């Protein structure tokens, strides 16, 4: 019987990783900031991808973790796990094992990386079960701020029906450029987009997780008990509220 121990993790190029992510990930998108990709192989075939890179918004990351001197950890000391895409072929528990192996490889080959950041999309996907199983600490909740677009804007968003607030405000995506054109160059929040252009604001949360890789580094924000997820009504698994 196949087990998670049968998977093999290898570093793969973006030319292999990105098409897989676009096909398998629920968002059908990749992060342009991803620079390090791990492939998850089973029976010599690719069945999963984990992509690491830098966060889109540096200002929201600096200060989350402090170094051994109590100073905000330098920007280059961290990576964001910003895409995880696994198909249904992999054995049970492959996701947490794959994360664990990728972290060991980062520690060995990139010892300057002291901590990892990731977000769970509790609006469309899940509340971070895999991160909790991998020892990540829950450190924050924020509104999912996911815009279910009106039909006339879907094509402008690459055929995707939803757009996250970060995509709307990054000034480089087609839909962001369109919004700026409608507002005279002014960035507006998702709630205002819904009022002006139609569509629906999806209810839910983004959950922020952090894993410290160097014991000399510490959280500068409060660790939140996992039980708060259910208390807040933020539970979700495979796109279904729980």
C-alpha atoms as a PDB file:
ATOM      1  CA  UNK A   1       0.000   0.000   0.000  1.00  0.00           C
ATOM      2  CA  UNK A   2       1.376   3.414  -0.984  1.00  0.00           C
ATOM      3  CA  UNK A   3       2.284   5.838   1.804  1.00  0.00           C
ATOM      4  CA  UNK A   4       3.607   9.380   2.008  1.00  0.00           C
ATOM      5  CA  UNK A   5       7.107   7.907   2.392  1.00  0.00           C
ATOM      6  CA  UNK A   6       6.940   6.909  -1.278  1.00  0.00           C
ATOM      7  CA  UNK A   7       7.025  10.499  -2.550  1.00  0.00           C
ATOM      8  CA  UNK A   8      10.209  12.180  -3.773  1.00  0.00           C
ATOM      9  CA  UNK A   9      10.858  15.944  -3.511  1.00  0.00           C
ATOM     10  CA  UNK A  10      13.077  17.711  -6.045  1.00  0.00           C
ATOM     11  CA  UNK A  11      13.813  21.317  -6.959  1.00  0.00           C
ATOM     12  CA  UNK A  12      12.244  22.015 -10.363  1.00  0.00           C
ATOM     13  CA  UNK A  13      12.337  25.013 -12.733  1.00  0.00           C
ATOM     14  CA  UNK A  14       9.463  27.474 -13.050  1.00  0.00           C
ATOM     15  CA  UNK A  15       8.895  26.228 -16.612  1.00  0.00           C
ATOM     16  CA  UNK A  16       7.748  22.928 -15.076  1.00  0.00           C
ATOM     17  CA  UNK A  17       6.190  24.246 -11.858  1.00  0.00           C
ATOM     18  CA  UNK A  18       4.026  27.062 -13.190  1.00  0.00           C
ATOM     19  CA  UNK A  19       1.992  25.084 -15.747  1.00  0.00           C
ATOM     20  CA  UNK A  20       1.224  22.499 -13.066  1.00  0.00           C
ATOM     21  CA  UNK A  21       0.128  25.196 -10.592  1.00  0.00           C
ATOM     22  CA  UNK A  22      -2.104  26.865 -13.179  1.00  0.00           C
ATOM     23  CA  UNK A  23      -3.767  23.537 -13.876  1.00  0.00           C
ATOM     24  CA  UNK A  24      -4.168  22.204 -10.326  1.00  0.00           C
ATOM     25  CA  UNK A  25      -4.300  25.161  -7.906  1.00  0.00           C
ATOM     26  CA  UNK A  26      -7.835  26.336  -7.110  1.00  0.00           C
ATOM     27  CA  UNK A  27      -6.974  29.919  -8.148  1.00  0.00           C
ATOM     28  CA  UNK A  28      -5.504  28.809 -11.514  1.00  0.00           C
ATOM     29  CA  UNK A  29      -2.795  31.443 -11.036  1.00  0.00           C
ATOM     30  CA  UNK A  30       0.890  31.603 -10.115  1.00  0.00           C
ATOM     31  CA  UNK A  31       2.727  34.170  -8.024  1.00  0.00           C
ATOM     32  CA  UNK A  32       5.191  36.226 -10.041  1.00  0.00           C
ATOM     33  CA  UNK A  33       7.345  36.541  -6.917  1.00  0.00           C
ATOM     34  CA  UNK A  34       7.915  32.765  -6.665  1.00  0.00           C
ATOM     35  CA  UNK A  35      11.589  31.889  -7.150  1.00  0.00           C
ATOM     36  CA  UNK A  36      12.052  28.454  -5.588  1.00  0.00           C
ATOM     37  CA  UNK A  37       9.903  25.526  -6.706  1.00  0.00           C
ATOM     38  CA  UNK A  38       9.763  22.018  -5.273  1.00  0.00           C
ATOM     39  CA  UNK A  39       8.185  19.205  -7.265  1.00  0.00           C
ATOM     40  CA  UNK A  40       6.453  16.331  -5.493  1.00  0.00           C
ATOM     41  CA  UNK A  41       6.932  13.113  -7.439  1.00  0.00           C
ATOM     42  CA  UNK A  42       5.181   9.777  -7.038  1.00  0.00           C
ATOM     43  CA  UNK A  43       5.990   6.838  -9.284  1.00  0.00           C
ATOM     44  CA  UNK A  44       8.352   9.215 -11.124  1.00  0.00           C
ATOM     45  CA  UNK A  45       5.488  11.519 -12.125  1.00  0.00           C
ATOM     46  CA  UNK A  46       4.858  15.075 -10.939  1.00  0.00           C
ATOM     47  CA  UNK A  47       1.798  15.300  -8.703  1.00  0.00           C
ATOM     48  CA  UNK A  48       2.498  18.355  -6.556  1.00  0.00           C
ATOM     49  CA  UNK A  49       4.284  21.703  -6.478  1.00  0.00           C
ATOM     50  CA  UNK A  50       5.322  24.025  -3.651  1.00  0.00           C
ATOM     51  CA  UNK A  51       6.471  27.503  -4.683  1.00  0.00           C
ATOM     52  CA  UNK A  52       8.422  29.815  -2.383  1.00  0.00           C
ATOM     53  CA  UNK A  53       9.287  33.462  -2.961  1.00  0.00           C
ATOM     54  CA  UNK A  54       9.060  36.948  -1.473  1.00  0.00           C
ATOM     55  CA  UNK A  55       5.732  38.461  -0.390  1.00  0.00           C
ATOM     56  CA  UNK A  56       3.973  41.021  -2.561  1.00  0.00           C
ATOM     57  CA  UNK A  57       3.669  43.582   0.238  1.00  0.00           C
ATOM     58  CA  UNK A  58       6.907  44.061   2.177  1.00  0.00           C
ATOM     59  CA  UNK A  59       5.343  46.577   4.581  1.00  0.00           C
ATOM     60  CA  UNK A  60       3.000  43.931   5.992  1.00  0.00           C
ATOM     61  CA  UNK A  61       5.858  41.487   6.666  1.00  0.00           C
ATOM     62  CA  UNK A  62       8.620  43.528   8.267  1.00  0.00           C
ATOM     63  CA  UNK A  63       8.190  43.441  12.016  1.00  0.00           C
ATOM     64  CA  UNK A  64       6.367  40.114  12.279  1.00  0.00           C
ATOM     65  CA  UNK A  65       9.557  38.401  13.458  1.00  0.00           C
ATOM     66  CA  UNK A  66      12.557  39.740  15.410  1.00  0.00           C
ATOM     67  CA  UNK A  67      16.159  38.527  15.334  1.00  0.00           C
ATOM     68  CA  UNK A  68      18.460  37.567  18.212  1.00  0.00           C
ATOM     69  CA  UNK A  69      18.962  41.270  19.012  1.00  0.00           C
ATOM     70  CA  UNK A  70      15.250  41.994  19.204  1.00  0.00           C
ATOM     71  CA  UNK A  71      15.355  43.906  15.923  1.00  0.00           C
ATOM     72  CA  UNK A  72      12.932  43.338  13.039  1.00  0.00           C
ATOM     73  CA  UNK A  73      14.252  40.397  11.033  1.00  0.00           C
ATOM     74  CA  UNK A  74      15.889  41.536   7.791  1.00  0.00           C
ATOM     75  CA  UNK A  75      13.877  41.234   4.594  1.00  0.00           C
ATOM     76  CA  UNK A  76      16.218  38.618   3.094  1.00  0.00           C
ATOM     77  CA  UNK A  77      15.876  36.309   6.110  1.00  0.00           C
ATOM     78  CA  UNK A  78      12.500  34.904   5.065  1.00  0.00           C
ATOM     79  CA  UNK A  79      10.497  33.222   2.322  1.00  0.00           C
ATOM     80  CA  UNK A  80       6.780  32.993   1.688  1.00  0.00           C
ATOM     81  CA  UNK A  81       5.273  29.656   0.734  1.00  0.00           C
ATOM     82  CA  UNK A  82       2.917  31.285  -1.714  1.00  0.00           C
ATOM     83  CA  UNK A  83       1.581  28.376  -3.759  1.00  0.00           C
ATOM     84  CA  UNK A  84       0.809  24.764  -2.902  1.00  0.00           C
ATOM     85  CA  UNK A  85      -0.803  22.614  -5.568  1.00  0.00           C
ATOM     86  CA  UNK A  86      -1.321  18.863  -5.094  1.00  0.00           C
ATOM     87  CA  UNK A  87      -3.478  16.553  -7.166  1.00  0.00           C
ATOM     88  CA  UNK A  88      -5.529  13.634  -5.820  1.00  0.00           C
ATOM     89  CA  UNK A  89      -3.038  10.939  -6.838  1.00  0.00           C
ATOM     90  CA  UNK A  90      -0.634  11.435  -3.937  1.00  0.00           C
ATOM     91  CA  UNK A  91      -0.905   9.127  -0.891  1.00  0.00           C
ATOM     92  CA  UNK A  92      -2.456  10.361   2.350  1.00  0.00           C
ATOM     93  CA  UNK A  93      -0.387  12.859   4.378  1.00  0.00           C
ATOM     94  CA  UNK A  94       1.857  13.653   1.380  1.00  0.00           C
ATOM     95  CA  UNK A  95       1.290  17.398   1.762  1.00  0.00           C
ATOM     96  CA  UNK A  96       2.675  17.687   5.297  1.00  0.00           C
ATOM     97  CA  UNK A  97       5.565  15.349   4.469  1.00  0.00           C
ATOM     98  CA  UNK A  98       6.381  17.390   1.353  1.00  0.00           C
ATOM     99  CA  UNK A  99       6.450  20.629   3.359  1.00  0.00           C
ATOM    100  CA  UNK A 100       8.690  19.029   5.975  1.00  0.00           C
ATOM    101  CA  UNK A 101      11.183  17.829   3.368  1.00  0.00           C
ATOM    102  CA  UNK A 102      11.201  21.164   1.546  1.00  0.00           C
ATOM    103  CA  UNK A 103      11.973  22.931   4.837  1.00  0.00           C
ATOM    104  CA  UNK A 104      14.873  20.552   5.519  1.00  0.00           C
ATOM    105  CA  UNK A 105      16.247  21.313   2.048  1.00  0.00           C
ATOM    106  CA  UNK A 106      15.935  25.055   2.626  1.00  0.00           C
ATOM    107  CA  UNK A 107      17.709  24.796   5.980  1.00  0.00           C
ATOM    108  CA  UNK A 108      20.560  22.833   4.416  1.00  0.00           C
ATOM    109  CA  UNK A 109      21.025  24.824   1.214  1.00  0.00           C
ATOM    110  CA  UNK A 110      19.865  28.293   2.273  1.00  0.00           C
ATOM    111  CA  UNK A 111      20.774  28.649   5.980  1.00  0.00           C
ATOM    112  CA  UNK A 112      20.256  32.413   5.818  1.00  0.00           C
ATOM    113  CA  UNK A 113      16.489  31.774   5.672  1.00  0.00           C
ATOM    114  CA  UNK A 114      15.327  32.056   9.280  1.00  0.00           C
ATOM    115  CA  UNK A 115      11.536  31.958   8.981  1.00  0.00           C
ATOM    116  CA  UNK A 116       8.674  31.162   6.627  1.00  0.00           C
ATOM    117  CA  UNK A 117       5.355  32.864   6.022  1.00  0.00           C
ATOM    118  CA  UNK A 118       2.209  31.513   4.413  1.00  0.00           C
ATOM    119  CA  UNK A 119      -1.474  32.362   4.158  1.00  0.00           C
ATOM    120  CA  UNK A 120      -4.470  30.042   4.135  1.00  0.00           C
ATOM    121  CA  UNK A 121      -7.449  31.175   2.085  1.00  0.00           C
ATOM    122  CA  UNK A 122     -10.443  30.576   4.318  1.00  0.00           C
ATOM    123  CA  UNK A 123     -12.668  32.236   1.731  1.00  0.00           C
ATOM    124  CA  UNK A 124     -12.305  29.752  -1.115  1.00  0.00           C
ATOM    125  CA  UNK A 125      -9.993  26.909  -0.076  1.00  0.00           C
ATOM    126  CA  UNK A 126      -9.110  25.987   3.523  1.00  0.00           C
ATOM    127  CA  UNK A 127      -8.140  27.236   6.961  1.00  0.00           C
ATOM    128  CA  UNK A 128      -4.591  25.854   6.970  1.00  0.00           C
ATOM    129  CA  UNK A 129      -4.859  22.251   8.175  1.00  0.00           C
ATOM    130  CA  UNK A 130      -1.598  21.362   6.419  1.00  0.00           C
ATOM    131  CA  UNK A 131       0.272  24.297   7.984  1.00  0.00           C
ATOM    132  CA  UNK A 132      -0.860  23.332  11.466  1.00  0.00           C
ATOM    133  CA  UNK A 133       0.230  19.743  10.864  1.00  0.00           C
ATOM    134  CA  UNK A 134       3.625  21.115   9.773  1.00  0.00           C
ATOM    135  CA  UNK A 135       4.200  23.144  12.929  1.00  0.00           C
ATOM    136  CA  UNK A 136       3.353  26.607  11.622  1.00  0.00           C
ATOM    137  CA  UNK A 137       2.019  29.071  14.177  1.00  0.00           C
ATOM    138  CA  UNK A 138      -1.228  30.925  13.565  1.00  0.00           C
ATOM    139  CA  UNK A 139      -0.557  34.643  13.932  1.00  0.00           C
ATOM    140  CA  UNK A 140      -3.384  36.555  12.302  1.00  0.00           C
ATOM    141  CA  UNK A 141      -6.812  36.777  10.713  1.00  0.00           C
ATOM    142  CA  UNK A 142      -7.877  39.279   8.099  1.00  0.00           C
ATOM    143  CA  UNK A 143     -10.883  39.700   5.897  1.00  0.00           C
ATOM    144  CA  UNK A 144     -10.578  37.527   2.804  1.00  0.00           C
ATOM    145  CA  UNK A 145     -11.564  40.548   0.715  1.00  0.00           C
ATOM    146  CA  UNK A 146     -12.280  38.351  -2.274  1.00  0.00           C
ATOM    147  CA  UNK A 147     -14.273  39.920  -5.093  1.00  0.00           C
ATOM    148  CA  UNK A 148     -16.617  37.662  -7.066  1.00  0.00           C
ATOM    149  CA  UNK A 149     -16.549  39.616 -10.295  1.00  0.00           C
ATOM    150  CA  UNK A 150     -19.501  40.606 -12.438  1.00  0.00           C
ATOM    151  CA  UNK A 151     -19.518  38.733 -15.739  1.00  0.00           C
ATOM    152  CA  UNK A 152     -18.271  41.673 -17.806  1.00  0.00           C
ATOM    153  CA  UNK A 153     -14.983  41.778 -15.829  1.00  0.00           C
ATOM    154  CA  UNK A 154     -14.165  38.057 -15.821  1.00  0.00           C
ATOM    155  CA  UNK A 155     -12.336  38.130 -19.167  1.00  0.00           C
ATOM    156  CA  UNK A 156     -10.299  41.108 -17.982  1.00  0.00           C
ATOM    157  CA  UNK A 157      -9.207  38.952 -15.046  1.00  0.00           C
ATOM    158  CA  UNK A 158      -7.835  36.210 -17.282  1.00  0.00           C
ATOM    159  CA  UNK A 159     -11.103  34.285 -17.223  1.00  0.00           C
ATOM    160  CA  UNK A 160     -11.045  33.929 -13.427  1.00  0.00           C
ATOM    161  CA  UNK A 161     -14.257  34.720 -11.572  1.00  0.00           C
ATOM    162  CA  UNK A 162     -12.609  35.972  -8.371  1.00  0.00           C
ATOM    163  CA  UNK A 163      -9.933  38.553  -7.595  1.00  0.00           C
ATOM    164  CA  UNK A 164      -8.158  39.014  -4.264  1.00  0.00           C
ATOM    165  CA  UNK A 165      -7.634  42.504  -2.847  1.00  0.00           C
ATOM    166  CA  UNK A 166      -3.856  42.238  -3.401  1.00  0.00           C
ATOM    167  CA  UNK A 167      -4.388  41.597  -7.107  1.00  0.00           C
ATOM    168  CA  UNK A 168      -6.741  44.547  -7.306  1.00  0.00           C
ATOM    169  CA  UNK A 169      -4.241  46.905  -5.691  1.00  0.00           C
ATOM    170  CA  UNK A 170      -0.886  45.827  -7.145  1.00  0.00           C
ATOM    171  CA  UNK A 171      -1.189  48.272 -10.081  1.00  0.00           C
ATOM    172  CA  UNK A 172       0.241  45.800 -12.589  1.00  0.00           C
ATOM    173  CA  UNK A 173      -2.568  43.311 -13.222  1.00  0.00           C
ATOM    174  CA  UNK A 174      -5.024  44.057 -16.060  1.00  0.00           C
ATOM    175  CA  UNK A 175      -7.954  44.373 -13.688  1.00  0.00           C
ATOM    176  CA  UNK A 176      -6.006  46.719 -11.401  1.00  0.00           C
ATOM    177  CA  UNK A 177      -5.077  48.908 -14.367  1.00  0.00           C
ATOM    178  CA  UNK A 178      -8.724  48.971 -15.447  1.00  0.00           C
ATOM    179  CA  UNK A 179      -9.855  50.047 -11.963  1.00  0.00           C
ATOM    180  CA  UNK A 180      -7.207  52.785 -11.854  1.00  0.00           C
ATOM    181  CA  UNK A 181      -8.486  53.991 -15.209  1.00  0.00           C
ATOM    182  CA  UNK A 182     -12.007  54.218 -13.797  1.00  0.00           C
ATOM    183  CA  UNK A 183     -10.933  56.044 -10.629  1.00  0.00           C
ATOM    184  CA  UNK A 184      -8.456  58.507 -12.113  1.00  0.00           C
ATOM    185  CA  UNK A 185      -5.468  56.596 -10.779  1.00  0.00           C
ATOM    186  CA  UNK A 186      -6.777  56.129  -7.237  1.00  0.00           C
ATOM    187  CA  UNK A 187      -6.542  52.750  -5.490  1.00  0.00           C
ATOM    188  CA  UNK A 188      -9.801  51.692  -3.854  1.00  0.00           C
ATOM    189  CA  UNK A 189     -10.736  48.857  -1.521  1.00  0.00           C
ATOM    190  CA  UNK A 190     -12.610  45.743  -2.618  1.00  0.00           C
ATOM    191  CA  UNK A 191     -15.774  46.888  -0.873  1.00  0.00           C
ATOM    192  CA  UNK A 192     -15.777  50.068  -2.966  1.00  0.00           C
ATOM    193  CA  UNK A 193     -15.167  48.041  -6.146  1.00  0.00           C
ATOM    194  CA  UNK A 194     -18.295  46.009  -5.416  1.00  0.00           C
ATOM    195  CA  UNK A 195     -20.336  49.189  -4.921  1.00  0.00           C
ATOM    196  CA  UNK A 196     -19.057  50.838  -8.087  1.00  0.00           C
ATOM    197  CA  UNK A 197     -18.738  47.969 -10.518  1.00  0.00           C
ATOM    198  CA  UNK A 198     -21.015  45.193  -9.224  1.00  0.00           C
ATOM    199  CA  UNK A 199     -20.312  41.647  -8.175  1.00  0.00           C
ATOM    200  CA  UNK A 200     -20.172  40.262  -4.650  1.00  0.00           C
ATOM    201  CA  UNK A 201     -17.805  40.442  -1.680  1.00  0.00           C
ATOM    202  CA  UNK A 202     -17.116  36.860  -0.599  1.00  0.00           C
ATOM    203  CA  UNK A 203     -17.318  36.199   3.116  1.00  0.00           C
ATOM    204  CA  UNK A 204     -14.344  34.597   4.827  1.00  0.00           C
ATOM    205  CA  UNK A 205     -10.862  35.080   6.239  1.00  0.00           C
ATOM    206  CA  UNK A 206      -7.230  34.921   5.271  1.00  0.00           C
ATOM    207  CA  UNK A 207      -5.242  33.199   8.012  1.00  0.00           C
ATOM    208  CA  UNK A 208      -1.570  34.073   8.487  1.00  0.00           C
ATOM    209  CA  UNK A 209       0.880  31.344   9.509  1.00  0.00           C
ATOM    210  CA  UNK A 210       4.568  31.613  10.450  1.00  0.00           C
ATOM    211  CA  UNK A 211       7.219  28.961  11.024  1.00  0.00           C
ATOM    212  CA  UNK A 212      10.480  29.918  12.725  1.00  0.00           C
ATOM    213  CA  UNK A 213      13.502  28.000  11.400  1.00  0.00           C
ATOM    214  CA  UNK A 214      16.151  29.494  13.717  1.00  0.00           C
ATOM    215  CA  UNK A 215      15.617  29.321  17.487  1.00  0.00           C
ATOM    216  CA  UNK A 216      17.326  32.694  17.903  1.00  0.00           C
ATOM    217  CA  UNK A 217      14.425  34.340  16.087  1.00  0.00           C
ATOM    218  CA  UNK A 218      11.057  34.993  17.711  1.00  0.00           C
ATOM    219  CA  UNK A 219       7.575  36.121  16.849  1.00  0.00           C
ATOM    220  CA  UNK A 220       6.989  39.828  17.354  1.00  0.00           C
ATOM    221  CA  UNK A 221       3.234  39.268  17.126  1.00  0.00           C
ATOM    222  CA  UNK A 222       0.985  37.186  19.340  1.00  0.00           C
ATOM    223  CA  UNK A 223       0.578  33.507  18.611  1.00  0.00           C
ATOM    224  CA  UNK A 224      -3.105  32.650  18.279  1.00  0.00           C
ATOM    225  CA  UNK A 225      -4.395  29.264  19.494  1.00  0.00           C
ATOM    226  CA  UNK A 226      -5.757  27.051  16.731  1.00  0.00           C
ATOM    227  CA  UNK A 227      -9.067  26.870  18.614  1.00  0.00           C
ATOM    228  CA  UNK A 228      -9.683  30.498  17.643  1.00  0.00           C
ATOM    229  CA  UNK A 229     -10.393  29.365  14.075  1.00  0.00           C
ATOM    230  CA  UNK A 230     -13.637  27.682  15.063  1.00  0.00           C
ATOM    231  CA  UNK A 231     -14.454  30.339  17.654  1.00  0.00           C
ATOM    232  CA  UNK A 232     -14.228  32.961  14.917  1.00  0.00           C
ATOM    233  CA  UNK A 233     -16.249  30.910  12.457  1.00  0.00           C
ATOM    234  CA  UNK A 234     -13.286  30.790  10.082  1.00  0.00           C
ATOM    235  CA  UNK A 235     -13.150  27.026   9.602  1.00  0.00           C
ATOM    236  CA  UNK A 236     -13.010  25.791   6.005  1.00  0.00           C
ATOM    237  CA  UNK A 237     -11.877  22.606   4.267  1.00  0.00           C
ATOM    238  CA  UNK A 238     -11.672  22.154   0.497  1.00  0.00           C
ATOM    239  CA  UNK A 239     -13.850  25.198  -0.067  1.00  0.00           C
ATOM    240  CA  UNK A 240     -16.580  24.163   2.352  1.00  0.00           C
ATOM    241  CA  UNK A 241     -17.334  25.946   5.630  1.00  0.00           C
ATOM    242  CA  UNK A 242     -16.923  23.803   8.720  1.00  0.00           C
END
